[in-house]
PDB file of N, CA and C in Angstrom:
ATOM      1  N   MET A   1      69.716 140.579 158.880  1.00  0.00           N
ATOM      2  CA  MET A   1      70.023 139.153 158.821  1.00  0.00           C
ATOM      3  C   MET A   1      70.145 138.598 160.240  1.00  0.00           C
ATOM      4  N   ASN A   2      69.560 137.484 160.448  1.00  0.00           N
ATOM      5  CA  ASN A   2      69.666 136.881 161.772  1.00  0.00           C
ATOM      6  C   ASN A   2      70.909 135.978 161.845  1.00  0.00           C
ATOM      7  N   GLN A   3      71.149 135.494 163.018  1.00  0.00           N
ATOM      8  CA  GLN A   3      72.358 134.685 163.285  1.00  0.00           C
ATOM      9  C   GLN A   3      72.357 133.393 162.475  1.00  0.00           C
ATOM     10  N   ASP A   4      71.233 132.758 162.335  1.00  0.00           N
ATOM     11  CA  ASP A   4      71.135 131.490 161.606  1.00  0.00           C
ATOM     12  C   ASP A   4      71.449 131.675 160.123  1.00  0.00           C
ATOM     13  N   GLN A   5      70.925 132.746 159.541  1.00  0.00           N
ATOM     14  CA  GLN A   5      71.176 133.017 158.117  1.00  0.00           C
ATOM     15  C   GLN A   5      72.643 133.352 157.894  1.00  0.00           C
ATOM     16  N   LEU A   6      73.257 134.059 158.821  1.00  0.00           N
ATOM     17  CA  LEU A   6      74.675 134.413 158.717  1.00  0.00           C
ATOM     18  C   LEU A   6      75.550 133.161 158.765  1.00  0.00           C
ATOM     19  N   MET A   7      75.228 132.204 159.628  1.00  0.00           N
ATOM     20  CA  MET A   7      75.980 130.950 159.716  1.00  0.00           C
ATOM     21  C   MET A   7      75.854 130.142 158.429  1.00  0.00           C
ATOM     22  N   LYS A   8      74.665 130.134 157.835  1.00  0.00           N
ATOM     23  CA  LYS A   8      74.467 129.405 156.580  1.00  0.00           C
ATOM     24  C   LYS A   8      75.293 130.019 155.459  1.00  0.00           C
ATOM     25  N   ASN A   9      75.358 131.347 155.415  1.00  0.00           N
ATOM     26  CA  ASN A   9      76.163 132.019 154.384  1.00  0.00           C
ATOM     27  C   ASN A   9      77.653 131.720 154.563  1.00  0.00           C
ATOM     28  N   LYS A  10      78.122 131.741 155.799  1.00  0.00           N
ATOM     29  CA  LYS A  10      79.540 131.435 156.063  1.00  0.00           C
ATOM     30  C   LYS A  10      79.863 130.000 155.662  1.00  0.00           C
ATOM     31  N   PHE A  11      78.934 129.097 155.956  1.00  0.00           N
ATOM     32  CA  PHE A  11      79.153 127.695 155.602  1.00  0.00           C
ATOM     33  C   PHE A  11      79.195 127.520 154.088  1.00  0.00           C
ATOM     34  N   LEU A  12      78.312 128.222 153.377  1.00  0.00           N
ATOM     35  CA  LEU A  12      78.275 128.150 151.921  1.00  0.00           C
ATOM     36  C   LEU A  12      79.568 128.709 151.319  1.00  0.00           C
ATOM     37  N   LEU A  13      80.053 129.814 151.822  1.00  0.00           N
ATOM     38  CA  LEU A  13      81.315 130.389 151.351  1.00  0.00           C
ATOM     39  C   LEU A  13      82.494 129.447 151.613  1.00  0.00           C
ATOM     40  N   LEU A  14      82.505 128.867 152.780  1.00  0.00           N
ATOM     41  CA  LEU A  14      83.576 127.934 153.132  1.00  0.00           C
ATOM     42  C   LEU A  14      83.537 126.699 152.247  1.00  0.00           C
ATOM     43  N   THR A  15      82.365 126.204 151.932  1.00  0.00           N
ATOM     44  CA  THR A  15      82.225 125.042 151.058  1.00  0.00           C
ATOM     45  C   THR A  15      82.712 125.360 149.642  1.00  0.00           C
ATOM     46  N   ILE A  16      82.337 126.505 149.119  1.00  0.00           N
ATOM     47  CA  ILE A  16      82.770 126.898 147.767  1.00  0.00           C
ATOM     48  C   ILE A  16      84.284 127.060 147.721  1.00  0.00           C
ATOM     49  N   ALA A  17      84.874 127.685 148.743  1.00  0.00           N
ATOM     50  CA  ALA A  17      86.327 127.869 148.782  1.00  0.00           C
ATOM     51  C   ALA A  17      87.045 126.521 148.869  1.00  0.00           C
ATOM     52  N   SER A  18      86.507 125.599 149.642  1.00  0.00           N
ATOM     53  CA  SER A  18      87.126 124.268 149.773  1.00  0.00           C
ATOM     54  C   SER A  18      87.082 123.517 148.454  1.00  0.00           C
ATOM     55  N   LEU A  19      85.953 123.571 147.767  1.00  0.00           N
ATOM     56  CA  LEU A  19      85.839 122.896 146.468  1.00  0.00           C
ATOM     57  C   LEU A  19      86.788 123.502 145.440  1.00  0.00           C
ATOM     58  N   ALA A  20      86.965 124.825 145.479  1.00  0.00           N
ATOM     59  CA  ALA A  20      87.894 125.483 144.560  1.00  0.00           C
ATOM     60  C   ALA A  20      89.326 125.023 144.827  1.00  0.00           C
ATOM     61  N   LEU A  21      89.706 124.913 146.103  1.00  0.00           N
ATOM     62  CA  LEU A  21      91.064 124.456 146.446  1.00  0.00           C
ATOM     63  C   LEU A  21      91.273 123.012 146.027  1.00  0.00           C
ATOM     64  N   ILE A  22      90.277 122.182 146.225  1.00  0.00           N
ATOM     65  CA  ILE A  22      90.401 120.766 145.865  1.00  0.00           C
ATOM     66  C   ILE A  22      90.548 120.611 144.359  1.00  0.00           C
ATOM     67  N   SER A  23      89.797 121.393 143.594  1.00  0.00           N
ATOM     68  CA  SER A  23      89.882 121.268 142.137  1.00  0.00           C
ATOM     69  C   SER A  23      91.235 121.753 141.615  1.00  0.00           C
ATOM     70  N   THR A  24      91.821 122.800 142.206  1.00  0.00           N
ATOM     71  CA  THR A  24      93.146 123.254 141.758  1.00  0.00           C
ATOM     72  C   THR A  24      94.218 122.232 142.128  1.00  0.00           C
ATOM     73  N   GLN A  25      94.092 121.606 143.274  1.00  0.00           N
ATOM     74  CA  GLN A  25      95.061 120.579 143.674  1.00  0.00           C
ATOM     75  C   GLN A  25      94.966 119.371 142.752  1.00  0.00           C
ATOM     76  N   ALA A  26      93.762 118.989 142.375  1.00  0.00           N
ATOM     77  CA  ALA A  26      93.587 117.830 141.510  1.00  0.00           C
ATOM     78  C   ALA A  26      94.164 118.101 140.127  1.00  0.00           C
ATOM     79  N   SER A  27      93.966 119.297 139.606  1.00  0.00           N
ATOM     80  CA  SER A  27      94.517 119.600 138.283  1.00  0.00           C
ATOM     81  C   SER A  27      96.032 119.702 138.340  1.00  0.00           C
ATOM     82  N   ALA A  28      96.593 120.158 139.459  1.00  0.00           N
ATOM     83  CA  ALA A  28      98.045 120.257 139.581  1.00  0.00           C
ATOM     84  C   ALA A  28      98.677 118.880 139.677  1.00  0.00           C
ATOM     85  N   SER A  29      97.996 117.926 140.314  1.00  0.00           N
ATOM     86  CA  SER A  29      98.566 116.589 140.458  1.00  0.00           C
ATOM     87  C   SER A  29      98.547 115.828 139.142  1.00  0.00           C
ATOM     88  N   THR A  30      97.565 116.085 138.274  1.00  0.00           N
ATOM     89  CA  THR A  30      97.528 115.398 136.973  1.00  0.00           C
ATOM     90  C   THR A  30      98.478 116.015 135.976  1.00  0.00           C
ATOM     91  N   ALA A  31      98.923 117.250 136.212  1.00  0.00           N
ATOM     92  CA  ALA A  31      99.811 117.938 135.275  1.00  0.00           C
ATOM     93  C   ALA A  31     101.268 117.536 135.464  1.00  0.00           C
ATOM     94  N   GLN A  32     101.573 116.717 136.464  1.00  0.00           N
ATOM     95  CA  GLN A  32     102.963 116.318 136.692  1.00  0.00           C
ATOM     96  C   GLN A  32     103.442 115.438 135.561  1.00  0.00           C
ATOM     97  N   SER A  33     104.756 115.507 135.301  1.00  0.00           N
ATOM     98  CA  SER A  33     105.320 114.684 134.227  1.00  0.00           C
ATOM     99  C   SER A  33     105.445 113.243 134.684  1.00  0.00           C
ATOM    100  N   ASP A  34     105.465 112.353 133.722  1.00  0.00           N
ATOM    101  CA  ASP A  34     105.548 110.932 134.024  1.00  0.00           C
ATOM    102  C   ASP A  34     106.975 110.405 133.920  1.00  0.00           C
ATOM    103  N   ASP A  35     107.966 111.276 134.051  1.00  0.00           N
ATOM    104  CA  ASP A  35     109.359 110.844 133.989  1.00  0.00           C
ATOM    105  C   ASP A  35     109.697 110.031 135.231  1.00  0.00           C
ATOM    106  N   VAL A  36     110.246 108.867 135.007  1.00  0.00           N
ATOM    107  CA  VAL A  36     110.628 107.989 136.106  1.00  0.00           C
ATOM    108  C   VAL A  36     112.110 108.193 136.365  1.00  0.00           C
ATOM    109  N   ILE A  37     112.425 108.476 137.592  1.00  0.00           N
ATOM    110  CA  ILE A  37     113.826 108.667 137.969  1.00  0.00           C
ATOM    111  C   ILE A  37     114.363 107.340 138.454  1.00  0.00           C
ATOM    112  N   LYS A  38     115.403 106.854 137.829  1.00  0.00           N
ATOM    113  CA  LYS A  38     115.995 105.583 138.234  1.00  0.00           C
ATOM    114  C   LYS A  38     117.135 105.868 139.196  1.00  0.00           C
ATOM    115  N   LEU A  39     117.029 105.303 140.349  1.00  0.00           N
ATOM    116  CA  LEU A  39     118.070 105.457 141.360  1.00  0.00           C
ATOM    117  C   LEU A  39     119.078 104.326 141.213  1.00  0.00           C
ATOM    118  N   PRO A  40     120.343 104.590 141.572  1.00  0.00           N
ATOM    119  CA  PRO A  40     121.341 103.523 141.470  1.00  0.00           C
ATOM    120  C   PRO A  40     121.096 102.449 142.536  1.00  0.00           C
ATOM    121  N   THR A  41     121.420 101.219 142.187  1.00  0.00           N
ATOM    122  CA  THR A  41     121.284 100.127 143.141  1.00  0.00           C
ATOM    123  C   THR A  41     122.672  99.698 143.597  1.00  0.00           C
ATOM    124  N   TYR A  42     122.748  99.333 144.831  1.00  0.00           N
ATOM    125  CA  TYR A  42     124.017  98.904 145.406  1.00  0.00           C
ATOM    126  C   TYR A  42     123.857  97.486 145.927  1.00  0.00           C
ATOM    127  N   LEU A  43     124.850  96.657 145.693  1.00  0.00           N
ATOM    128  CA  LEU A  43     124.845  95.294 146.188  1.00  0.00           C
ATOM    129  C   LEU A  43     125.935  95.189 147.246  1.00  0.00           C
ATOM    130  N   VAL A  44     125.554  94.870 148.449  1.00  0.00           N
ATOM    131  CA  VAL A  44     126.493  94.769 149.563  1.00  0.00           C
ATOM    132  C   VAL A  44     126.554  93.312 149.988  1.00  0.00           C
ATOM    133  N   GLU A  45     127.753  92.777 149.998  1.00  0.00           N
ATOM    134  CA  GLU A  45     127.949  91.397 150.446  1.00  0.00           C
ATOM    135  C   GLU A  45     128.740  91.414 151.735  1.00  0.00           C
ATOM    136  N   SER A  46     128.287  90.593 152.670  1.00  0.00           N
ATOM    137  CA  SER A  46     128.905  90.541 153.984  1.00  0.00           C
ATOM    138  C   SER A  46     128.758  89.132 154.520  1.00  0.00           C
ATOM    139  N   PRO A  47     129.757  88.657 155.273  1.00  0.00           N
ATOM    140  CA  PRO A  47     129.609  87.322 155.869  1.00  0.00           C
ATOM    141  C   PRO A  47     128.504  87.343 156.925  1.00  0.00           C
ATOM    142  N   ARG A  48     127.891  86.192 157.119  1.00  0.00           N
ATOM    143  CA  ARG A  48     126.795  86.122 158.077  1.00  0.00           C
ATOM    144  C   ARG A  48     127.277  86.394 159.489  1.00  0.00           C
ATOM    145  N   TYR A  49     128.388  85.822 159.865  1.00  0.00           N
ATOM    146  CA  TYR A  49     128.958  86.055 161.188  1.00  0.00           C
ATOM    147  C   TYR A  49     130.380  86.549 161.018  1.00  0.00           C
ATOM    148  N   LEU A  50     130.723  87.580 161.735  1.00  0.00           N
ATOM    149  CA  LEU A  50     132.081  88.111 161.716  1.00  0.00           C
ATOM    150  C   LEU A  50     132.968  87.211 162.576  1.00  0.00           C
ATOM    151  N   PRO A  51     134.281  87.258 162.360  1.00  0.00           N
ATOM    152  CA  PRO A  51     135.179  86.417 163.168  1.00  0.00           C
ATOM    153  C   PRO A  51     135.040  86.649 164.674  1.00  0.00           C
ATOM    154  N   ALA A  52     134.824  87.880 165.094  1.00  0.00           N
ATOM    155  CA  ALA A  52     134.666  88.154 166.530  1.00  0.00           C
ATOM    156  C   ALA A  52     133.410  87.472 167.064  1.00  0.00           C
ATOM    157  N   GLU A  53     132.323  87.497 166.291  1.00  0.00           N
ATOM    158  CA  GLU A  53     131.094  86.836 166.724  1.00  0.00           C
ATOM    159  C   GLU A  53     131.267  85.328 166.802  1.00  0.00           C
ATOM    160  N   LYS A  54     131.999  84.751 165.857  1.00  0.00           N
ATOM    161  CA  LYS A  54     132.259  83.309 165.888  1.00  0.00           C
ATOM    162  C   LYS A  54     133.084  82.938 167.110  1.00  0.00           C
ATOM    163  N   SER A  55     134.079  83.772 167.455  1.00  0.00           N
ATOM    164  CA  SER A  55     134.919  83.507 168.621  1.00  0.00           C
ATOM    165  C   SER A  55     134.101  83.558 169.912  1.00  0.00           C
ATOM    166  N   ILE A  56     133.242  84.555 170.025  1.00  0.00           N
ATOM    167  CA  ILE A  56     132.411  84.686 171.224  1.00  0.00           C
ATOM    168  C   ILE A  56     131.453  83.513 171.339  1.00  0.00           C
ATOM    169  N   GLU A  57     130.840  83.124 170.229  1.00  0.00           N
ATOM    170  CA  GLU A  57     129.909  81.994 170.266  1.00  0.00           C
ATOM    171  C   GLU A  57     130.619  80.700 170.638  1.00  0.00           C
ATOM    172  N   ALA A  58     131.851  80.511 170.138  1.00  0.00           N
ATOM    173  CA  ALA A  58     132.614  79.303 170.480  1.00  0.00           C
ATOM    174  C   ALA A  58     132.949  79.276 171.964  1.00  0.00           C
ATOM    175  N   SER A  59     133.372  80.418 172.525  1.00  0.00           N
ATOM    176  CA  SER A  59     133.712  80.438 173.950  1.00  0.00           C
ATOM    177  C   SER A  59     132.470  80.249 174.816  1.00  0.00           C
ATOM    178  N   LEU A  60     131.328  80.784 174.380  1.00  0.00           N
ATOM    179  CA  LEU A  60     130.096  80.575 175.138  1.00  0.00           C
ATOM    180  C   LEU A  60     129.652  79.125 175.080  1.00  0.00           C
ATOM    181  N   SER A  61     129.801  78.493 173.944  1.00  0.00           N
ATOM    182  CA  SER A  61     129.442  77.077 173.832  1.00  0.00           C
ATOM    183  C   SER A  61     130.325  76.225 174.726  1.00  0.00           C
ATOM    184  N   GLU A  62     131.615  76.553 174.770  1.00  0.00           N
ATOM    185  CA  GLU A  62     132.535  75.823 175.631  1.00  0.00           C
ATOM    186  C   GLU A  62     132.161  76.007 177.100  1.00  0.00           C
ATOM    187  N   LEU A  63     131.805  77.230 177.473  1.00  0.00           N
ATOM    188  CA  LEU A  63     131.403  77.508 178.849  1.00  0.00           C
ATOM    189  C   LEU A  63     130.115  76.779 179.200  1.00  0.00           C
ATOM    190  N   ARG A  64     129.177  76.731 178.271  1.00  0.00           N
ATOM    191  CA  ARG A  64     127.920  76.011 178.525  1.00  0.00           C
ATOM    192  C   ARG A  64     128.163  74.524 178.722  1.00  0.00           C
ATOM    193  N   ASP A  65     129.107  73.971 177.982  1.00  0.00           N
ATOM    194  CA  ASP A  65     129.415  72.553 178.128  1.00  0.00           C
ATOM    195  C   ASP A  65     130.035  72.256 179.488  1.00  0.00           C
ATOM    196  N   GLN A  66     130.804  73.188 180.031  1.00  0.00           N
ATOM    197  CA  GLN A  66     131.480  72.965 181.315  1.00  0.00           C
ATOM    198  C   GLN A  66     130.532  73.081 182.498  1.00  0.00           C
ATOM    199  N   VAL A  67     129.550  73.927 182.375  1.00  0.00           N
ATOM    200  CA  VAL A  67     128.654  74.195 183.495  1.00  0.00           C
ATOM    201  C   VAL A  67     127.530  73.183 183.491  1.00  0.00           C
ATOM    202  N   SER A  68     127.289  72.601 184.660  1.00  0.00           N
ATOM    203  CA  SER A  68     126.137  71.708 184.784  1.00  0.00           C
ATOM    204  C   SER A  68     125.039  72.455 185.545  1.00  0.00           C
ATOM    205  N   THR A  69     123.834  72.164 185.244  1.00  0.00           N
ATOM    206  CA  THR A  69     122.717  72.837 185.892  1.00  0.00           C
ATOM    207  C   THR A  69     122.569  72.328 187.317  1.00  0.00           C
ATOM    208  N   PRO A  70     122.621  73.225 188.301  1.00  0.00           N
ATOM    209  CA  PRO A  70     122.471  72.768 189.684  1.00  0.00           C
ATOM    210  C   PRO A  70     121.028  72.350 189.956  1.00  0.00           C
ATOM    211  N   VAL A  71     120.883  71.362 190.806  1.00  0.00           N
ATOM    212  CA  VAL A  71     119.561  70.880 191.171  1.00  0.00           C
ATOM    213  C   VAL A  71     119.126  71.641 192.413  1.00  0.00           C
ATOM    214  N   VAL A  72     118.050  72.366 192.293  1.00  0.00           N
ATOM    215  CA  VAL A  72     117.538  73.156 193.403  1.00  0.00           C
ATOM    216  C   VAL A  72     116.155  72.634 193.739  1.00  0.00           C
ATOM    217  N   THR A  73     115.990  72.249 194.995  1.00  0.00           N
ATOM    218  CA  THR A  73     114.672  71.812 195.437  1.00  0.00           C
ATOM    219  C   THR A  73     114.175  72.794 196.484  1.00  0.00           C
ATOM    220  N   VAL A  74     112.958  73.165 196.364  1.00  0.00           N
ATOM    221  CA  VAL A  74     112.355  74.108 197.297  1.00  0.00           C
ATOM    222  C   VAL A  74     111.099  73.449 197.856  1.00  0.00           C
ATOM    223  N   GLU A  75     111.030  73.425 199.186  1.00  0.00           N
ATOM    224  CA  GLU A  75     109.838  72.861 199.815  1.00  0.00           C
ATOM    225  C   GLU A  75     108.879  73.997 200.116  1.00  0.00           C
ATOM    226  N   LEU A  76     107.686  73.887 199.604  1.00  0.00           N
ATOM    227  CA  LEU A  76     106.659  74.883 199.855  1.00  0.00           C
ATOM    228  C   LEU A  76     105.698  74.317 200.892  1.00  0.00           C
ATOM    229  N   TYR A  77     105.862  74.783 202.120  1.00  0.00           N
ATOM    230  CA  TYR A  77     105.087  74.233 203.226  1.00  0.00           C
ATOM    231  C   TYR A  77     103.600  74.543 203.072  1.00  0.00           C
ATOM    232  N   SER A  78     103.280  75.652 202.457  1.00  0.00           N
ATOM    233  CA  SER A  78     101.866  75.998 202.334  1.00  0.00           C
ATOM    234  C   SER A  78     101.156  75.104 201.318  1.00  0.00           C
ATOM    235  N   LEU A  79     101.900  74.427 200.441  1.00  0.00           N
ATOM    236  CA  LEU A  79     101.285  73.555 199.459  1.00  0.00           C
ATOM    237  C   LEU A  79     101.253  72.096 199.895  1.00  0.00           C
ATOM    238  N   ARG A  80     101.811  71.811 201.046  1.00  0.00           N
ATOM    239  CA  ARG A  80     101.782  70.434 201.546  1.00  0.00           C
ATOM    240  C   ARG A  80     100.366  70.019 201.900  1.00  0.00           C
ATOM    241  N   SER A  81     100.113  68.735 201.821  1.00  0.00           N
ATOM    242  CA  SER A  81      98.790  68.256 202.233  1.00  0.00           C
ATOM    243  C   SER A  81      98.745  68.209 203.755  1.00  0.00           C
ATOM    244  N   GLN A  82      97.553  68.119 204.313  1.00  0.00           N
ATOM    245  CA  GLN A  82      97.433  68.099 205.771  1.00  0.00           C
ATOM    246  C   GLN A  82      97.854  66.765 206.361  1.00  0.00           C
ATOM    247  N   ALA A  83      98.114  65.777 205.546  1.00  0.00           N
ATOM    248  CA  ALA A  83      98.536  64.474 206.055  1.00  0.00           C
ATOM    249  C   ALA A  83      99.966  64.533 206.558  1.00  0.00           C
ATOM    250  N   THR A  84     100.786  65.433 206.017  1.00  0.00           N
ATOM    251  CA  THR A  84     102.170  65.546 206.471  1.00  0.00           C
ATOM    252  C   THR A  84     102.305  66.779 207.326  1.00  0.00           C
ATOM    253  N   SER A  85     103.197  66.750 208.244  1.00  0.00           N
ATOM    254  CA  SER A  85     103.380  67.849 209.176  1.00  0.00           C
ATOM    255  C   SER A  85     104.568  68.700 208.753  1.00  0.00           C
ATOM    256  N   ALA A  86     104.469  69.995 209.005  1.00  0.00           N
ATOM    257  CA  ALA A  86     105.591  70.889 208.733  1.00  0.00           C
ATOM    258  C   ALA A  86     106.700  70.653 209.757  1.00  0.00           C
ATOM    259  N   PHE A  87     106.343  70.165 210.925  1.00  0.00           N
ATOM    260  CA  PHE A  87     107.326  69.888 211.971  1.00  0.00           C
ATOM    261  C   PHE A  87     107.418  68.380 212.155  1.00  0.00           C
ATOM    262  N   THR A  88     108.608  67.889 212.276  1.00  0.00           N
ATOM    263  CA  THR A  88     108.803  66.456 212.383  1.00  0.00           C
ATOM    264  C   THR A  88     108.295  65.943 213.731  1.00  0.00           C
ATOM    265  N   GLY A  89     107.535  64.877 213.714  1.00  0.00           N
ATOM    266  CA  GLY A  89     107.074  64.231 214.932  1.00  0.00           C
ATOM    267  C   GLY A  89     105.843  64.848 215.547  1.00  0.00           C
ATOM    268  N   CYS A  90     105.289  65.889 215.015  1.00  0.00           N
ATOM    269  CA  CYS A  90     104.092  66.528 215.570  1.00  0.00           C
ATOM    270  C   CYS A  90     102.912  66.225 214.672  1.00  0.00           C
ATOM    271  N   GLU A  91     101.768  66.115 215.287  1.00  0.00           N
ATOM    272  CA  GLU A  91     100.589  65.902 214.467  1.00  0.00           C
ATOM    273  C   GLU A  91     100.033  67.251 214.019  1.00  0.00           C
ATOM    274  N   VAL A  92      99.320  67.227 212.932  1.00  0.00           N
ATOM    275  CA  VAL A  92      98.753  68.460 212.398  1.00  0.00           C
ATOM    276  C   VAL A  92      97.459  68.748 213.112  1.00  0.00           C
ATOM    277  N   LYS A  93      97.323  69.963 213.596  1.00  0.00           N
ATOM    278  CA  LYS A  93      96.109  70.354 214.305  1.00  0.00           C
ATOM    279  C   LYS A  93      95.307  71.271 213.397  1.00  0.00           C
ATOM    280  N   THR A  94      94.021  71.060 213.419  1.00  0.00           N
ATOM    281  CA  THR A  94      93.149  71.936 212.645  1.00  0.00           C
ATOM    282  C   THR A  94      92.634  73.035 213.556  1.00  0.00           C
ATOM    283  N   ALA A  95      91.962  74.012 212.984  1.00  0.00           N
ATOM    284  CA  ALA A  95      91.455  75.138 213.764  1.00  0.00           C
ATOM    285  C   ALA A  95      90.338  74.707 214.700  1.00  0.00           C
ATOM    286  N   GLN A  96      89.687  73.583 214.419  1.00  0.00           N
ATOM    287  CA  GLN A  96      88.578  73.130 215.254  1.00  0.00           C
ATOM    288  C   GLN A  96      89.066  72.348 216.471  1.00  0.00           C
ATOM    289  N   GLN A  97      90.299  71.857 216.432  1.00  0.00           N
ATOM    290  CA  GLN A  97      90.810  71.105 217.581  1.00  0.00           C
ATOM    291  C   GLN A  97      91.293  72.078 218.653  1.00  0.00           C
ATOM    292  N   VAL A  98      91.014  71.769 219.897  1.00  0.00           N
ATOM    293  CA  VAL A  98      91.433  72.618 221.022  1.00  0.00           C
ATOM    294  C   VAL A  98      92.841  72.182 221.415  1.00  0.00           C
ATOM    295  N   PRO A  99      93.799  73.113 221.513  1.00  0.00           N
ATOM    296  CA  PRO A  99      95.166  72.747 221.925  1.00  0.00           C
ATOM    297  C   PRO A  99      95.172  72.180 223.364  1.00  0.00           C
ATOM    298  N   ALA A 100      96.138  71.314 223.628  1.00  0.00           N
ATOM    299  CA  ALA A 100      96.215  70.650 224.940  1.00  0.00           C
ATOM    300  C   ALA A 100      96.497  71.653 226.040  1.00  0.00           C
ATOM    301  N   ALA A 101      97.254  72.700 225.793  1.00  0.00           N
ATOM    302  CA  ALA A 101      97.552  73.722 226.806  1.00  0.00           C
ATOM    303  C   ALA A 101      96.283  74.456 227.211  1.00  0.00           C
ATOM    304  N   ALA A 102      95.397  74.700 226.300  1.00  0.00           N
ATOM    305  CA  ALA A 102      94.136  75.390 226.608  1.00  0.00           C
ATOM    306  C   ALA A 102      93.251  74.499 227.486  1.00  0.00           C
ATOM    307  N   ILE A 103      93.301  73.189 227.265  1.00  0.00           N
ATOM    308  CA  ILE A 103      92.503  72.253 228.079  1.00  0.00           C
ATOM    309  C   ILE A 103      93.050  72.224 229.494  1.00  0.00           C
ATOM    310  N   ALA A 104      94.378  72.242 229.638  1.00  0.00           N
ATOM    311  CA  ALA A 104      94.991  72.213 230.967  1.00  0.00           C
ATOM    312  C   ALA A 104      94.679  73.468 231.753  1.00  0.00           C
ATOM    313  N   VAL A 105      94.673  74.614 231.101  1.00  0.00           N
ATOM    314  CA  VAL A 105      94.367  75.879 231.790  1.00  0.00           C
ATOM    315  C   VAL A 105      92.892  75.880 232.194  1.00  0.00           C
ATOM    316  N   ALA A 106      92.025  75.360 231.344  1.00  0.00           N
ATOM    317  CA  ALA A 106      90.602  75.356 231.651  1.00  0.00           C
ATOM    318  C   ALA A 106      90.278  74.448 232.825  1.00  0.00           C
ATOM    319  N   LYS A 107      91.015  73.322 232.963  1.00  0.00           N
ATOM    320  CA  LYS A 107      90.755  72.376 234.059  1.00  0.00           C
ATOM    321  C   LYS A 107      91.338  72.897 235.360  1.00  0.00           C
ATOM    322  N   GLY A 108      92.476  73.616 235.249  1.00  0.00           N
ATOM    323  CA  GLY A 108      93.223  74.010 236.442  1.00  0.00           C
ATOM    324  C   GLY A 108      92.669  75.160 237.151  1.00  0.00           C
TER     325      GLY A 108
END
């Protein structure tokens, strides 16, 4: 027998064994009794909020009423337009403009 024929025989044996196992499992599952087991039911009643939770919520609400939201303003210099200067009283220079100090050194 060559290797290919041996593999085919092993596969056939494995297939037959698998089908036999599946058929025994299927017959065992249908043989179960149809008795329904009724479990006891419990009804639990509880208040939605416990007194401690109500007390905490009341104190937090009182604290929220006392606190006012502070006004915070942040100036973002990188988002300013080029029409306004980051420094007061100075004009905005672009990268193409030559600084006055460089002109003085070049002339001198």
